[in-house]
Amino acid sequence: MNKVILMGRLTRDVEMRQTPNGVSLARFSIAVNRRFAGKDAQQQADFINCVAFGRTAEFLERFGRKGTKFVLEG
């Protein structure tokens, strides 16, 4: 089984939708800083697009704003 744990900041506010079945769906992206600096000693970041469903999506809508730091597991 593969597992990923990411810690980063939201790059924009969470975009909420409802599926035809009525399930909440949240789309967002986070910026994750790399643990090592580049050749020029500048901090680099990876931007990762994410999707959450159900209660997790509702939590993100309530508490997630641009710049908020979150830890994600999936």
C-alpha atoms as a PDB file:
ATOM      1  CA  MET A   1       0.000   0.000   0.000  1.00  0.00           C
ATOM      2  CA  ASN A   2       1.260   3.475  -0.853  1.00  0.00           C
ATOM      3  CA  LYS A   3       0.841   6.362   1.535  1.00  0.00           C
ATOM      4  CA  VAL A   4       1.667  10.044   1.246  1.00  0.00           C
ATOM      5  CA  ILE A   5       1.798  12.726   3.936  1.00  0.00           C
ATOM      6  CA  LEU A   6       2.037  16.339   2.782  1.00  0.00           C
ATOM      7  CA  MET A   7       2.409  19.525   4.795  1.00  0.00           C
ATOM      8  CA  GLY A   8       1.895  22.800   3.006  1.00  0.00           C
ATOM      9  CA  ARG A   9      -0.147  25.947   2.599  1.00  0.00           C
ATOM     10  CA  LEU A  10      -3.286  26.396   0.512  1.00  0.00           C
ATOM     11  CA  THR A  11      -2.525  28.359  -2.638  1.00  0.00           C
ATOM     12  CA  ARG A  12      -6.139  29.535  -3.046  1.00  0.00           C
ATOM     13  CA  ASP A  13      -9.496  29.272  -1.298  1.00  0.00           C
ATOM     14  CA  VAL A  14     -11.224  25.890  -1.469  1.00  0.00           C
ATOM     15  CA  GLU A  15     -13.625  25.404  -4.396  1.00  0.00           C
ATOM     16  CA  MET A  16     -16.754  23.533  -3.250  1.00  0.00           C
ATOM     17  CA  ARG A  17     -19.208  21.525  -5.355  1.00  0.00           C
ATOM     18  CA  GLN A  18     -21.888  18.883  -4.856  1.00  0.00           C
ATOM     19  CA  THR A  19     -21.975  15.606  -6.784  1.00  0.00           C
ATOM     20  CA  PRO A  20     -25.328  14.555  -8.310  1.00  0.00           C
ATOM     21  CA  ASN A  21     -25.708  12.218  -5.308  1.00  0.00           C
ATOM     22  CA  GLY A  22     -25.363  15.161  -2.903  1.00  0.00           C
ATOM     23  CA  VAL A  23     -21.824  14.385  -1.685  1.00  0.00           C
ATOM     24  CA  SER A  24     -19.630  17.423  -0.957  1.00  0.00           C
ATOM     25  CA  LEU A  25     -16.520  17.764  -3.111  1.00  0.00           C
ATOM     26  CA  ALA A  26     -13.656  20.208  -2.467  1.00  0.00           C
ATOM     27  CA  ARG A  27     -10.916  21.078  -4.950  1.00  0.00           C
ATOM     28  CA  PHE A  28      -7.795  22.873  -3.787  1.00  0.00           C
ATOM     29  CA  SER A  29      -4.040  22.961  -4.212  1.00  0.00           C
ATOM     30  CA  ILE A  30      -1.221  23.194  -1.713  1.00  0.00           C
ATOM     31  CA  ALA A  31       2.354  24.433  -1.958  1.00  0.00           C
ATOM     32  CA  VAL A  32       4.827  22.042  -0.327  1.00  0.00           C
ATOM     33  CA  ASN A  33       8.351  23.324   0.335  1.00  0.00           C
ATOM     34  CA  ARG A  34      11.169  20.985  -0.610  1.00  0.00           C
ATOM     35  CA  ARG A  35      13.431  19.871   2.211  1.00  0.00           C
ATOM     36  CA  PHE A  36      16.562  20.808   0.293  1.00  0.00           C
ATOM     37  CA  ALA A  37      17.574  24.041  -1.381  1.00  0.00           C
ATOM     38  CA  GLY A  38      18.339  24.299  -5.069  1.00  0.00           C
ATOM     39  CA  LYS A  39      21.752  24.978  -6.579  1.00  0.00           C
ATOM     40  CA  ASP A  40      21.349  28.709  -5.983  1.00  0.00           C
ATOM     41  CA  ALA A  41      20.217  28.135  -2.327  1.00  0.00           C
ATOM     42  CA  GLN A  42      16.692  29.329  -3.102  1.00  0.00           C
ATOM     43  CA  GLN A  43      13.809  27.527  -1.393  1.00  0.00           C
ATOM     44  CA  GLN A  44      11.697  25.606  -3.923  1.00  0.00           C
ATOM     45  CA  ALA A  45       8.088  24.467  -3.692  1.00  0.00           C
ATOM     46  CA  ASP A  46       5.927  21.859  -5.405  1.00  0.00           C
ATOM     47  CA  PHE A  47       2.284  22.691  -6.139  1.00  0.00           C
ATOM     48  CA  ILE A  48      -0.040  19.729  -5.691  1.00  0.00           C
ATOM     49  CA  ASN A  49      -3.704  19.630  -6.773  1.00  0.00           C
ATOM     50  CA  CYS A  50      -5.998  17.783  -4.353  1.00  0.00           C
ATOM     51  CA  VAL A  51      -9.630  16.656  -4.059  1.00  0.00           C
ATOM     52  CA  ALA A  52     -11.513  15.851  -0.839  1.00  0.00           C
ATOM     53  CA  PHE A  53     -14.972  14.320  -0.362  1.00  0.00           C
ATOM     54  CA  GLY A  54     -17.697  14.281   2.279  1.00  0.00           C
ATOM     55  CA  ARG A  55     -16.983  15.557   5.776  1.00  0.00           C
ATOM     56  CA  THR A  56     -13.355  16.271   4.945  1.00  0.00           C
ATOM     57  CA  ALA A  57     -14.489  18.591   2.137  1.00  0.00           C
ATOM     58  CA  GLU A  58     -16.889  20.374   4.496  1.00  0.00           C
ATOM     59  CA  PHE A  59     -14.092  20.816   7.075  1.00  0.00           C
ATOM     60  CA  LEU A  60     -11.812  22.336   4.441  1.00  0.00           C
ATOM     61  CA  GLU A  61     -14.535  24.703   3.285  1.00  0.00           C
ATOM     62  CA  ARG A  62     -15.090  25.893   6.840  1.00  0.00           C
ATOM     63  CA  PHE A  63     -11.465  26.335   7.948  1.00  0.00           C
ATOM     64  CA  GLY A  64      -9.401  26.488   4.742  1.00  0.00           C
ATOM     65  CA  ARG A  65      -8.401  29.871   3.379  1.00  0.00           C
ATOM     66  CA  LYS A  66      -5.507  30.903   1.172  1.00  0.00           C
ATOM     67  CA  GLY A  67      -2.273  30.618   3.149  1.00  0.00           C
ATOM     68  CA  THR A  68      -3.630  28.235   5.810  1.00  0.00           C
ATOM     69  CA  LYS A  69      -1.204  25.437   6.669  1.00  0.00           C
ATOM     70  CA  PHE A  70      -2.558  21.877   6.525  1.00  0.00           C
ATOM     71  CA  VAL A  71      -1.197  18.359   6.855  1.00  0.00           C
ATOM     72  CA  LEU A  72      -2.777  15.885   4.421  1.00  0.00           C
ATOM     73  CA  GLU A  73      -2.640  12.093   4.396  1.00  0.00           C
ATOM     74  CA  GLY A  74      -3.782   9.895   1.571  1.00  0.00           C
END
